[in-house]
């Protein structure tokens, strides 16, 4: 060993993601498409809704809350998403409750890839069968965001998109 040999660099620690959603804080106009018959094998039946999404920071931005209110010819969707950051796992949990029934859906867990795209996975039930859920959030630009939810009934081999939302910023 030579005394002048460079020591290997310590492994880089994963980035702290507690500020991953700061870009989304503010008010957004929302256009939502929802597949009304997911994983049914039937012809797709999409419903469209328009309204607002308001994102507010909680606890210095380490958590946030999203208020969704959209309406369309086939009804309305109102709900609240609570996003919580876990500094130990460096992951977010996304938790959604519909105002219609006041029940939380099963959370999805994940984080952002450094390219302004977050991918979150979880398990849920649909019509009595266990499914996987994938939720993707993309910051397209400072004024546009895209959200997609997909279900898989075959352990993640194939995915069917059932929720697409495109948000356009109205104010910060």
C-alpha atoms as a PDB file:
ATOM      1  CA  UNK A   1       0.000   0.000   0.000  1.00  0.00           C
ATOM      2  CA  UNK A   2       1.217   3.426  -0.839  1.00  0.00           C
ATOM      3  CA  UNK A   3       0.599   6.191   1.664  1.00  0.00           C
ATOM      4  CA  UNK A   4      -0.453   8.449  -1.180  1.00  0.00           C
ATOM      5  CA  UNK A   5      -3.147   6.093  -2.489  1.00  0.00           C
ATOM      6  CA  UNK A   6      -6.544   7.744  -2.489  1.00  0.00           C
ATOM      7  CA  UNK A   7      -9.165   6.289  -0.210  1.00  0.00           C
ATOM      8  CA  UNK A   8     -12.364   5.208  -1.890  1.00  0.00           C
ATOM      9  CA  UNK A   9     -15.118   7.768  -1.578  1.00  0.00           C
ATOM     10  CA  UNK A  10     -17.822   6.876   0.922  1.00  0.00           C
ATOM     11  CA  UNK A  11     -21.028   5.705  -0.725  1.00  0.00           C
ATOM     12  CA  UNK A  12     -23.370   8.554  -1.513  1.00  0.00           C
ATOM     13  CA  UNK A  13     -26.433   8.600   0.670  1.00  0.00           C
ATOM     14  CA  UNK A  14     -29.786   8.841  -1.066  1.00  0.00           C
ATOM     15  CA  UNK A  15     -31.057  12.397  -1.328  1.00  0.00           C
ATOM     16  CA  UNK A  16     -33.398  13.677   1.340  1.00  0.00           C
ATOM     17  CA  UNK A  17     -36.771  13.730  -0.397  1.00  0.00           C
ATOM     18  CA  UNK A  18     -38.775  15.688   2.149  1.00  0.00           C
ATOM     19  CA  UNK A  19     -39.036  18.623  -0.287  1.00  0.00           C
ATOM     20  CA  UNK A  20     -39.994  16.552  -3.341  1.00  0.00           C
ATOM     21  CA  UNK A  21     -43.473  18.091  -3.571  1.00  0.00           C
ATOM     22  CA  UNK A  22     -42.525  21.753  -3.052  1.00  0.00           C
ATOM     23  CA  UNK A  23     -42.902  22.390  -6.795  1.00  0.00           C
ATOM     24  CA  UNK A  24     -46.578  21.442  -6.551  1.00  0.00           C
ATOM     25  CA  UNK A  25     -47.661  23.784  -3.749  1.00  0.00           C
ATOM     26  CA  UNK A  26     -50.414  26.077  -5.014  1.00  0.00           C
ATOM     27  CA  UNK A  27     -53.655  26.012  -6.981  1.00  0.00           C
ATOM     28  CA  UNK A  28     -54.228  24.043 -10.161  1.00  0.00           C
ATOM     29  CA  UNK A  29     -56.967  23.657 -12.775  1.00  0.00           C
ATOM     30  CA  UNK A  30     -57.503  19.909 -13.144  1.00  0.00           C
ATOM     31  CA  UNK A  31     -58.737  17.760 -16.030  1.00  0.00           C
ATOM     32  CA  UNK A  32     -59.344  14.173 -14.873  1.00  0.00           C
ATOM     33  CA  UNK A  33     -60.204  11.057 -16.879  1.00  0.00           C
ATOM     34  CA  UNK A  34     -61.347   8.024 -14.876  1.00  0.00           C
ATOM     35  CA  UNK A  35     -61.830   4.501 -16.220  1.00  0.00           C
ATOM     36  CA  UNK A  36     -65.153   3.468 -14.718  1.00  0.00           C
ATOM     37  CA  UNK A  37     -64.708  -0.268 -15.335  1.00  0.00           C
ATOM     38  CA  UNK A  38     -61.063  -1.089 -14.534  1.00  0.00           C
ATOM     39  CA  UNK A  39     -59.744  -4.633 -15.017  1.00  0.00           C
ATOM     40  CA  UNK A  40     -63.156  -5.779 -16.231  1.00  0.00           C
ATOM     41  CA  UNK A  41     -62.146  -6.936 -19.707  1.00  0.00           C
ATOM     42  CA  UNK A  42     -65.028  -4.849 -21.096  1.00  0.00           C
ATOM     43  CA  UNK A  43     -64.688  -1.976 -23.553  1.00  0.00           C
ATOM     44  CA  UNK A  44     -63.211   1.009 -21.703  1.00  0.00           C
ATOM     45  CA  UNK A  45     -65.774   3.397 -20.206  1.00  0.00           C
ATOM     46  CA  UNK A  46     -64.029   6.697 -19.444  1.00  0.00           C
ATOM     47  CA  UNK A  47     -65.588   9.599 -17.546  1.00  0.00           C
ATOM     48  CA  UNK A  48     -64.182  13.138 -17.686  1.00  0.00           C
ATOM     49  CA  UNK A  49     -64.154  15.749 -14.958  1.00  0.00           C
ATOM     50  CA  UNK A  50     -62.860  19.318 -14.572  1.00  0.00           C
ATOM     51  CA  UNK A  51     -62.221  21.352 -11.473  1.00  0.00           C
ATOM     52  CA  UNK A  52     -59.481  22.299  -9.055  1.00  0.00           C
ATOM     53  CA  UNK A  53     -56.672  20.787  -7.061  1.00  0.00           C
ATOM     54  CA  UNK A  54     -55.163  22.792  -4.205  1.00  0.00           C
ATOM     55  CA  UNK A  55     -51.889  21.633  -2.620  1.00  0.00           C
ATOM     56  CA  UNK A  56     -50.903  23.014   0.797  1.00  0.00           C
ATOM     57  CA  UNK A  57     -47.743  22.318   2.804  1.00  0.00           C
ATOM     58  CA  UNK A  58     -47.978  20.938   6.335  1.00  0.00           C
ATOM     59  CA  UNK A  59     -45.178  20.842   8.945  1.00  0.00           C
ATOM     60  CA  UNK A  60     -42.687  22.959   6.983  1.00  0.00           C
ATOM     61  CA  UNK A  61     -43.420  21.037   3.784  1.00  0.00           C
ATOM     62  CA  UNK A  62     -42.432  17.641   5.163  1.00  0.00           C
ATOM     63  CA  UNK A  63     -46.035  16.671   4.490  1.00  0.00           C
ATOM     64  CA  UNK A  64     -48.767  18.146   2.349  1.00  0.00           C
ATOM     65  CA  UNK A  65     -52.463  17.948   1.715  1.00  0.00           C
ATOM     66  CA  UNK A  66     -54.248  17.992  -1.626  1.00  0.00           C
ATOM     67  CA  UNK A  67     -57.882  19.044  -1.968  1.00  0.00           C
ATOM     68  CA  UNK A  68     -59.467  17.691  -5.163  1.00  0.00           C
ATOM     69  CA  UNK A  69     -62.848  18.895  -6.421  1.00  0.00           C
ATOM     70  CA  UNK A  70     -63.902  18.009  -9.974  1.00  0.00           C
ATOM     71  CA  UNK A  71     -67.250  17.670 -11.764  1.00  0.00           C
ATOM     72  CA  UNK A  72     -68.416  16.200 -15.037  1.00  0.00           C
ATOM     73  CA  UNK A  73     -71.467  14.806 -16.835  1.00  0.00           C
ATOM     74  CA  UNK A  74     -71.121  11.524 -14.885  1.00  0.00           C
ATOM     75  CA  UNK A  75     -70.899  13.077 -11.420  1.00  0.00           C
ATOM     76  CA  UNK A  76     -68.294  14.624  -9.195  1.00  0.00           C
ATOM     77  CA  UNK A  77     -65.206  13.600  -7.282  1.00  0.00           C
ATOM     78  CA  UNK A  78     -64.222  15.309  -4.059  1.00  0.00           C
ATOM     79  CA  UNK A  79     -61.439  14.088  -1.864  1.00  0.00           C
ATOM     80  CA  UNK A  80     -58.361  14.779   0.175  1.00  0.00           C
ATOM     81  CA  UNK A  81     -54.892  13.303  -0.236  1.00  0.00           C
ATOM     82  CA  UNK A  82     -52.473  13.337   2.669  1.00  0.00           C
ATOM     83  CA  UNK A  83     -48.845  12.855   1.662  1.00  0.00           C
ATOM     84  CA  UNK A  84     -46.439  11.964   4.465  1.00  0.00           C
ATOM     85  CA  UNK A  85     -42.649  11.751   4.266  1.00  0.00           C
ATOM     86  CA  UNK A  86     -40.772   9.111   6.266  1.00  0.00           C
ATOM     87  CA  UNK A  87     -37.172  10.326   6.819  1.00  0.00           C
ATOM     88  CA  UNK A  88     -35.977   6.841   7.886  1.00  0.00           C
ATOM     89  CA  UNK A  89     -37.091   5.086   4.691  1.00  0.00           C
ATOM     90  CA  UNK A  90     -36.787   8.268   2.594  1.00  0.00           C
ATOM     91  CA  UNK A  91     -40.163   7.434   1.074  1.00  0.00           C
ATOM     92  CA  UNK A  92     -43.507   9.110   0.813  1.00  0.00           C
ATOM     93  CA  UNK A  93     -46.854   7.526   1.560  1.00  0.00           C
ATOM     94  CA  UNK A  94     -49.801   8.850  -0.426  1.00  0.00           C
ATOM     95  CA  UNK A  95     -53.136   8.435   1.348  1.00  0.00           C
ATOM     96  CA  UNK A  96     -56.455   9.366  -0.286  1.00  0.00           C
ATOM     97  CA  UNK A  97     -59.956   9.690   1.118  1.00  0.00           C
ATOM     98  CA  UNK A  98     -63.112  10.357  -0.859  1.00  0.00           C
ATOM     99  CA  UNK A  99     -65.569  12.766   0.708  1.00  0.00           C
ATOM    100  CA  UNK A 100     -68.346  10.497  -0.627  1.00  0.00           C
ATOM    101  CA  UNK A 101     -67.622   7.737   1.889  1.00  0.00           C
ATOM    102  CA  UNK A 102     -64.961   9.210   4.201  1.00  0.00           C
ATOM    103  CA  UNK A 103     -62.797   6.099   3.833  1.00  0.00           C
ATOM    104  CA  UNK A 104     -59.053   6.061   3.213  1.00  0.00           C
ATOM    105  CA  UNK A 105     -57.846   3.977   0.296  1.00  0.00           C
ATOM    106  CA  UNK A 106     -54.812   1.758   0.772  1.00  0.00           C
ATOM    107  CA  UNK A 107     -51.674   3.935   0.673  1.00  0.00           C
ATOM    108  CA  UNK A 108     -49.045   3.805  -2.048  1.00  0.00           C
ATOM    109  CA  UNK A 109     -45.346   4.227  -1.209  1.00  0.00           C
ATOM    110  CA  UNK A 110     -42.374   5.531  -3.143  1.00  0.00           C
ATOM    111  CA  UNK A 111     -40.470   8.607  -4.136  1.00  0.00           C
ATOM    112  CA  UNK A 112     -39.018  10.759  -6.878  1.00  0.00           C
ATOM    113  CA  UNK A 113     -36.240   9.754  -9.256  1.00  0.00           C
ATOM    114  CA  UNK A 114     -34.446  13.110  -9.349  1.00  0.00           C
ATOM    115  CA  UNK A 115     -36.022  13.920 -12.711  1.00  0.00           C
ATOM    116  CA  UNK A 116     -39.232  15.362 -11.270  1.00  0.00           C
ATOM    117  CA  UNK A 117     -41.032  12.018 -11.597  1.00  0.00           C
ATOM    118  CA  UNK A 118     -42.402  10.107  -8.643  1.00  0.00           C
ATOM    119  CA  UNK A 119     -43.447   6.464  -8.717  1.00  0.00           C
ATOM    120  CA  UNK A 120     -45.473   4.927  -5.907  1.00  0.00           C
ATOM    121  CA  UNK A 121     -46.708   1.338  -5.414  1.00  0.00           C
ATOM    122  CA  UNK A 122     -49.211  -0.329  -3.144  1.00  0.00           C
ATOM    123  CA  UNK A 123     -51.699  -3.123  -2.752  1.00  0.00           C
ATOM    124  CA  UNK A 124     -55.466  -2.807  -2.746  1.00  0.00           C
ATOM    125  CA  UNK A 125     -58.639  -4.762  -3.373  1.00  0.00           C
ATOM    126  CA  UNK A 126     -60.918  -4.408  -6.413  1.00  0.00           C
ATOM    127  CA  UNK A 127     -64.175  -6.341  -6.570  1.00  0.00           C
ATOM    128  CA  UNK A 128     -62.915  -8.801  -3.960  1.00  0.00           C
ATOM    129  CA  UNK A 129     -59.550  -9.542  -5.566  1.00  0.00           C
ATOM    130  CA  UNK A 130     -56.095  -8.370  -4.583  1.00  0.00           C
ATOM    131  CA  UNK A 131     -54.448  -5.976  -7.026  1.00  0.00           C
ATOM    132  CA  UNK A 132     -51.309  -3.876  -7.270  1.00  0.00           C
ATOM    133  CA  UNK A 133     -51.549  -0.109  -7.676  1.00  0.00           C
ATOM    134  CA  UNK A 134     -48.977   2.113  -9.369  1.00  0.00           C
ATOM    135  CA  UNK A 135     -49.272   5.895  -9.122  1.00  0.00           C
ATOM    136  CA  UNK A 136     -46.982   8.123 -11.182  1.00  0.00           C
ATOM    137  CA  UNK A 137     -46.585  11.876 -10.691  1.00  0.00           C
ATOM    138  CA  UNK A 138     -44.680  13.908 -13.269  1.00  0.00           C
ATOM    139  CA  UNK A 139     -43.758  17.572 -13.090  1.00  0.00           C
ATOM    140  CA  UNK A 140     -44.000  18.269 -16.821  1.00  0.00           C
ATOM    141  CA  UNK A 141     -43.079  21.941 -16.368  1.00  0.00           C
ATOM    142  CA  UNK A 142     -43.444  24.631 -13.675  1.00  0.00           C
ATOM    143  CA  UNK A 143     -47.038  25.113 -14.876  1.00  0.00           C
ATOM    144  CA  UNK A 144     -48.111  21.544 -15.721  1.00  0.00           C
ATOM    145  CA  UNK A 145     -48.262  18.257 -13.824  1.00  0.00           C
ATOM    146  CA  UNK A 146     -49.487  14.795 -14.851  1.00  0.00           C
ATOM    147  CA  UNK A 147     -50.835  12.028 -12.612  1.00  0.00           C
ATOM    148  CA  UNK A 148     -51.526   8.455 -13.695  1.00  0.00           C
ATOM    149  CA  UNK A 149     -52.834   5.534 -11.714  1.00  0.00           C
ATOM    150  CA  UNK A 150     -52.701   1.972 -13.026  1.00  0.00           C
ATOM    151  CA  UNK A 151     -53.885  -1.372 -11.688  1.00  0.00           C
ATOM    152  CA  UNK A 152     -52.382  -4.821 -12.138  1.00  0.00           C
ATOM    153  CA  UNK A 153     -54.164  -8.085 -11.379  1.00  0.00           C
ATOM    154  CA  UNK A 154     -51.210 -10.255 -12.440  1.00  0.00           C
ATOM    155  CA  UNK A 155     -48.502  -9.225  -9.988  1.00  0.00           C
ATOM    156  CA  UNK A 156     -47.217  -6.324 -12.073  1.00  0.00           C
ATOM    157  CA  UNK A 157     -46.703  -8.183 -15.357  1.00  0.00           C
ATOM    158  CA  UNK A 158     -49.239  -5.923 -17.071  1.00  0.00           C
ATOM    159  CA  UNK A 159     -50.817  -2.623 -16.032  1.00  0.00           C
ATOM    160  CA  UNK A 160     -54.084  -0.929 -16.983  1.00  0.00           C
ATOM    161  CA  UNK A 161     -54.245   2.854 -16.599  1.00  0.00           C
ATOM    162  CA  UNK A 162     -57.472   3.920 -14.883  1.00  0.00           C
ATOM    163  CA  UNK A 163     -56.853   7.532 -13.785  1.00  0.00           C
ATOM    164  CA  UNK A 164     -55.225  10.331 -15.764  1.00  0.00           C
ATOM    165  CA  UNK A 165     -55.123  13.889 -14.453  1.00  0.00           C
ATOM    166  CA  UNK A 166     -53.454  16.859 -16.082  1.00  0.00           C
ATOM    167  CA  UNK A 167     -53.068  19.906 -13.858  1.00  0.00           C
ATOM    168  CA  UNK A 168     -52.316  23.444 -15.028  1.00  0.00           C
ATOM    169  CA  UNK A 169     -51.094  25.938 -12.435  1.00  0.00           C
ATOM    170  CA  UNK A 170     -53.427  28.830 -11.672  1.00  0.00           C
ATOM    171  CA  UNK A 171     -51.430  30.335  -8.759  1.00  0.00           C
ATOM    172  CA  UNK A 172     -48.653  29.558  -6.293  1.00  0.00           C
END
